[in-house]
Amino acid sequence: MNKPRRKEIEAIEEKIKALQLTANAIKAEIESVRADEDDAFDNLSENLQNSERGEAMQTASSNLEEAEQELDDIESSCNEAITNLEAARE
């Protein structure tokens, strides 16, 4: 591979690293919202926790947790892409 293409690949790697940082920041925001939702649920009386409202809160928390996992998957995919790009540059 010639030098200009290696430079292009390096630039792409930097973009992927920026994507990872953005995904991690978004994940942290989601974690914060989920923690707030979990705290609100924990502060409900047992009757309200077992009500439709409590179930909705638990569902929301589960959905937020799934979103966090999807962002973890993005990070893993980015790491794999970087590894492959580094191999291509050699």
N, C-alpha and C. Protein backbone atom coordinates (compact mmCIF):
# COMPACT_ATOMS: atom_id res chain seq x y z
N MET A 1 0.86 -1.18 0.00
CA MET A 1 0.00 0.00 0.00
C MET A 1 0.90 1.23 0.00
N ASN A 2 0.51 2.21 -0.80
CA ASN A 2 1.34 3.41 -0.88
C ASN A 2 1.03 4.39 0.25
N LYS A 3 1.91 5.35 0.39
CA LYS A 3 1.83 6.30 1.51
C LYS A 3 0.52 7.11 1.52
N PRO A 4 0.06 7.64 0.37
CA PRO A 4 -1.21 8.40 0.40
C PRO A 4 -2.40 7.58 0.90
N ARG A 5 -2.47 6.31 0.50
CA ARG A 5 -3.58 5.47 0.98
C ARG A 5 -3.44 5.17 2.46
N ARG A 6 -2.20 4.99 2.91
CA ARG A 6 -1.99 4.79 4.36
C ARG A 6 -2.48 6.00 5.14
N LYS A 7 -2.20 7.18 4.60
CA LYS A 7 -2.65 8.42 5.25
C LYS A 7 -4.18 8.47 5.30
N GLU A 8 -4.82 8.05 4.21
CA GLU A 8 -6.28 8.03 4.18
C GLU A 8 -6.82 7.09 5.25
N ILE A 9 -6.19 5.94 5.37
CA ILE A 9 -6.63 4.97 6.38
C ILE A 9 -6.43 5.54 7.78
N GLU A 10 -5.33 6.21 8.02
CA GLU A 10 -5.09 6.83 9.33
C GLU A 10 -6.18 7.85 9.64
N ALA A 11 -6.58 8.63 8.64
CA ALA A 11 -7.65 9.62 8.85
C ALA A 11 -8.97 8.93 9.17
N ILE A 12 -9.24 7.82 8.51
CA ILE A 12 -10.46 7.06 8.79
C ILE A 12 -10.42 6.51 10.21
N GLU A 13 -9.26 6.00 10.63
CA GLU A 13 -9.12 5.49 11.99
C GLU A 13 -9.43 6.59 13.01
N GLU A 14 -8.96 7.79 12.76
CA GLU A 14 -9.24 8.91 13.67
C GLU A 14 -10.73 9.22 13.73
N LYS A 15 -11.41 9.12 12.61
CA LYS A 15 -12.86 9.33 12.60
C LYS A 15 -13.57 8.26 13.42
N ILE A 16 -13.10 7.03 13.30
CA ILE A 16 -13.71 5.94 14.07
C ILE A 16 -13.48 6.17 15.56
N LYS A 17 -12.28 6.62 15.92
CA LYS A 17 -11.99 6.90 17.33
C LYS A 17 -12.89 8.03 17.85
N ALA A 18 -13.15 9.01 17.02
CA ALA A 18 -14.07 10.09 17.41
C ALA A 18 -15.48 9.54 17.60
N LEU A 19 -15.88 8.63 16.73
CA LEU A 19 -17.19 7.98 16.87
C LEU A 19 -17.28 7.23 18.19
N GLN A 20 -16.20 6.55 18.57
CA GLN A 20 -16.19 5.83 19.84
C GLN A 20 -16.37 6.79 21.01
N LEU A 21 -15.68 7.92 20.97
CA LEU A 21 -15.81 8.91 22.04
C LEU A 21 -17.25 9.42 22.13
N THR A 22 -17.85 9.68 20.99
CA THR A 22 -19.23 10.15 20.97
C THR A 22 -20.17 9.08 21.52
N ALA A 23 -19.98 7.84 21.10
CA ALA A 23 -20.82 6.75 21.59
C ALA A 23 -20.68 6.59 23.10
N ASN A 24 -19.46 6.72 23.62
CA ASN A 24 -19.25 6.60 25.06
C ASN A 24 -19.92 7.73 25.81
N ALA A 25 -19.88 8.94 25.26
CA ALA A 25 -20.55 10.08 25.90
C ALA A 25 -22.06 9.88 25.92
N ILE A 26 -22.61 9.39 24.83
CA ILE A 26 -24.04 9.13 24.77
C ILE A 26 -24.41 8.03 25.76
N LYS A 27 -23.59 7.00 25.83
CA LYS A 27 -23.85 5.90 26.77
C LYS A 27 -23.88 6.43 28.21
N ALA A 28 -22.96 7.32 28.54
CA ALA A 28 -22.93 7.88 29.89
C ALA A 28 -24.21 8.66 30.19
N GLU A 29 -24.71 9.37 29.19
CA GLU A 29 -25.96 10.11 29.37
C GLU A 29 -27.12 9.14 29.61
N ILE A 30 -27.15 8.08 28.84
CA ILE A 30 -28.22 7.08 29.00
C ILE A 30 -28.13 6.43 30.37
N GLU A 31 -26.91 6.10 30.80
CA GLU A 31 -26.72 5.50 32.13
C GLU A 31 -27.26 6.42 33.21
N SER A 32 -27.04 7.71 33.05
CA SER A 32 -27.52 8.68 34.03
C SER A 32 -29.05 8.71 34.08
N VAL A 33 -29.66 8.72 32.91
CA VAL A 33 -31.13 8.72 32.85
C VAL A 33 -31.68 7.43 33.46
N ARG A 34 -31.03 6.32 33.14
CA ARG A 34 -31.48 5.03 33.69
C ARG A 34 -31.34 5.00 35.21
N ALA A 35 -30.25 5.53 35.72
CA ALA A 35 -30.05 5.57 37.17
C ALA A 35 -31.14 6.42 37.83
N ASP A 36 -31.48 7.54 37.21
CA ASP A 36 -32.55 8.39 37.74
C ASP A 36 -33.88 7.65 37.74
N GLU A 37 -34.15 6.91 36.65
CA GLU A 37 -35.41 6.16 36.55
C GLU A 37 -35.44 5.06 37.60
N ASP A 38 -34.31 4.37 37.78
CA ASP A 38 -34.24 3.31 38.79
C ASP A 38 -34.43 3.87 40.19
N ASP A 39 -33.84 5.02 40.47
CA ASP A 39 -34.01 5.66 41.78
C ASP A 39 -35.47 6.05 42.00
N ALA A 40 -36.10 6.59 40.95
CA ALA A 40 -37.51 6.98 41.07
C ALA A 40 -38.37 5.75 41.34
N PHE A 41 -38.07 4.64 40.67
CA PHE A 41 -38.82 3.41 40.89
C PHE A 41 -38.61 2.92 42.32
N ASP A 42 -37.36 2.93 42.78
CA ASP A 42 -37.06 2.46 44.13
C ASP A 42 -37.76 3.30 45.21
N ASN A 43 -38.03 4.56 44.90
CA ASN A 43 -38.67 5.45 45.86
C ASN A 43 -40.20 5.33 45.85
N LEU A 44 -40.73 4.54 44.93
CA LEU A 44 -42.18 4.32 44.91
C LEU A 44 -42.56 3.35 46.03
N SER A 45 -43.77 3.47 46.48
CA SER A 45 -44.28 2.48 47.44
C SER A 45 -44.40 1.14 46.72
N GLU A 46 -44.47 0.09 47.50
CA GLU A 46 -44.57 -1.25 46.90
C GLU A 46 -45.81 -1.37 46.02
N ASN A 47 -46.90 -0.76 46.46
CA ASN A 47 -48.14 -0.80 45.67
C ASN A 47 -47.94 -0.15 44.31
N LEU A 48 -47.26 1.01 44.29
CA LEU A 48 -47.02 1.69 43.01
C LEU A 48 -46.00 0.94 42.16
N GLN A 49 -45.03 0.31 42.81
CA GLN A 49 -44.06 -0.47 42.04
C GLN A 49 -44.74 -1.61 41.29
N ASN A 50 -45.77 -2.16 41.89
CA ASN A 50 -46.49 -3.28 41.27
C ASN A 50 -47.63 -2.82 40.37
N SER A 51 -47.78 -1.51 40.22
CA SER A 51 -48.86 -0.98 39.39
C SER A 51 -48.38 -0.85 37.93
N GLU A 52 -49.29 -0.41 37.10
CA GLU A 52 -48.97 -0.20 35.68
C GLU A 52 -47.84 0.83 35.54
N ARG A 53 -47.89 1.84 36.37
CA ARG A 53 -46.85 2.87 36.35
C ARG A 53 -45.48 2.28 36.68
N GLY A 54 -45.43 1.46 37.71
CA GLY A 54 -44.17 0.83 38.09
C GLY A 54 -43.64 -0.09 37.00
N GLU A 55 -44.55 -0.84 36.38
CA GLU A 55 -44.15 -1.73 35.29
C GLU A 55 -43.61 -0.93 34.11
N ALA A 56 -44.23 0.20 33.83
CA ALA A 56 -43.76 1.07 32.74
C ALA A 56 -42.36 1.60 33.04
N MET A 57 -42.12 1.92 34.30
CA MET A 57 -40.80 2.42 34.69
C MET A 57 -39.75 1.33 34.54
N GLN A 58 -40.10 0.12 34.91
CA GLN A 58 -39.17 -1.00 34.76
C GLN A 58 -38.89 -1.29 33.28
N THR A 59 -39.91 -1.20 32.46
CA THR A 59 -39.74 -1.39 31.03
C THR A 59 -38.83 -0.31 30.45
N ALA A 60 -39.04 0.91 30.87
CA ALA A 60 -38.19 2.01 30.40
C ALA A 60 -36.74 1.76 30.78
N SER A 61 -36.52 1.33 32.02
CA SER A 61 -35.18 1.06 32.48
C SER A 61 -34.53 -0.06 31.68
N SER A 62 -35.29 -1.09 31.39
CA SER A 62 -34.77 -2.20 30.58
C SER A 62 -34.42 -1.74 29.17
N ASN A 63 -35.27 -0.90 28.60
CA ASN A 63 -35.00 -0.38 27.25
C ASN A 63 -33.74 0.50 27.24
N LEU A 64 -33.57 1.27 28.29
CA LEU A 64 -32.37 2.10 28.38
C LEU A 64 -31.12 1.23 28.51
N GLU A 65 -31.24 0.16 29.28
CA GLU A 65 -30.11 -0.76 29.44
C GLU A 65 -29.76 -1.43 28.10
N GLU A 66 -30.77 -1.77 27.32
CA GLU A 66 -30.53 -2.34 26.00
C GLU A 66 -29.84 -1.33 25.08
N ALA A 67 -30.23 -0.07 25.19
CA ALA A 67 -29.58 0.97 24.39
C ALA A 67 -28.10 1.09 24.77
N GLU A 68 -27.82 0.99 26.06
CA GLU A 68 -26.43 1.01 26.51
C GLU A 68 -25.65 -0.14 25.89
N GLN A 69 -26.26 -1.33 25.86
CA GLN A 69 -25.60 -2.50 25.28
C GLN A 69 -25.32 -2.29 23.80
N GLU A 70 -26.26 -1.69 23.11
CA GLU A 70 -26.07 -1.41 21.68
C GLU A 70 -24.87 -0.48 21.48
N LEU A 71 -24.72 0.48 22.36
CA LEU A 71 -23.57 1.39 22.26
C LEU A 71 -22.27 0.66 22.59
N ASP A 72 -22.32 -0.31 23.51
CA ASP A 72 -21.15 -1.16 23.76
C ASP A 72 -20.79 -1.94 22.49
N ASP A 73 -21.82 -2.41 21.79
CA ASP A 73 -21.58 -3.15 20.55
C ASP A 73 -20.93 -2.26 19.50
N ILE A 74 -21.35 -0.99 19.46
CA ILE A 74 -20.72 -0.04 18.54
C ILE A 74 -19.24 0.09 18.85
N GLU A 75 -18.92 0.20 20.13
CA GLU A 75 -17.51 0.33 20.52
C GLU A 75 -16.72 -0.90 20.09
N SER A 76 -17.27 -2.08 20.30
CA SER A 76 -16.59 -3.31 19.89
C SER A 76 -16.39 -3.35 18.38
N SER A 77 -17.42 -2.97 17.65
CA SER A 77 -17.31 -2.95 16.19
C SER A 77 -16.27 -1.94 15.73
N CYS A 78 -16.21 -0.81 16.38
CA CYS A 78 -15.20 0.19 16.05
C CYS A 78 -13.79 -0.35 16.30
N ASN A 79 -13.62 -1.05 17.42
CA ASN A 79 -12.31 -1.63 17.72
C ASN A 79 -11.91 -2.64 16.64
N GLU A 80 -12.85 -3.45 16.21
CA GLU A 80 -12.57 -4.42 15.16
C GLU A 80 -12.22 -3.72 13.85
N ALA A 81 -12.95 -2.66 13.53
CA ALA A 81 -12.68 -1.92 12.30
C ALA A 81 -11.28 -1.31 12.35
N ILE A 82 -10.90 -0.75 13.49
CA ILE A 82 -9.57 -0.16 13.62
C ILE A 82 -8.49 -1.23 13.46
N THR A 83 -8.71 -2.38 14.08
CA THR A 83 -7.76 -3.48 13.95
C THR A 83 -7.57 -3.87 12.49
N ASN A 84 -8.68 -3.98 11.77
CA ASN A 84 -8.60 -4.35 10.36
C ASN A 84 -7.93 -3.26 9.52
N LEU A 85 -8.21 -2.02 9.85
CA LEU A 85 -7.57 -0.92 9.10
C LEU A 85 -6.07 -0.89 9.37
N GLU A 86 -5.69 -1.12 10.63
CA GLU A 86 -4.26 -1.16 10.96
C GLU A 86 -3.57 -2.28 10.19
N ALA A 87 -4.22 -3.42 10.09
CA ALA A 87 -3.65 -4.55 9.34
C ALA A 87 -3.53 -4.19 7.86
N ALA A 88 -4.49 -3.47 7.34
CA ALA A 88 -4.46 -3.08 5.94
C ALA A 88 -3.32 -2.10 5.65
N ARG A 89 -2.97 -1.29 6.63
CA ARG A 89 -1.89 -0.31 6.44
C ARG A 89 -0.52 -0.95 6.40
N GLU A 90 -0.39 -2.16 6.92
CA GLU A 90 0.93 -2.80 7.00
C GLU A 90 1.45 -3.23 5.66
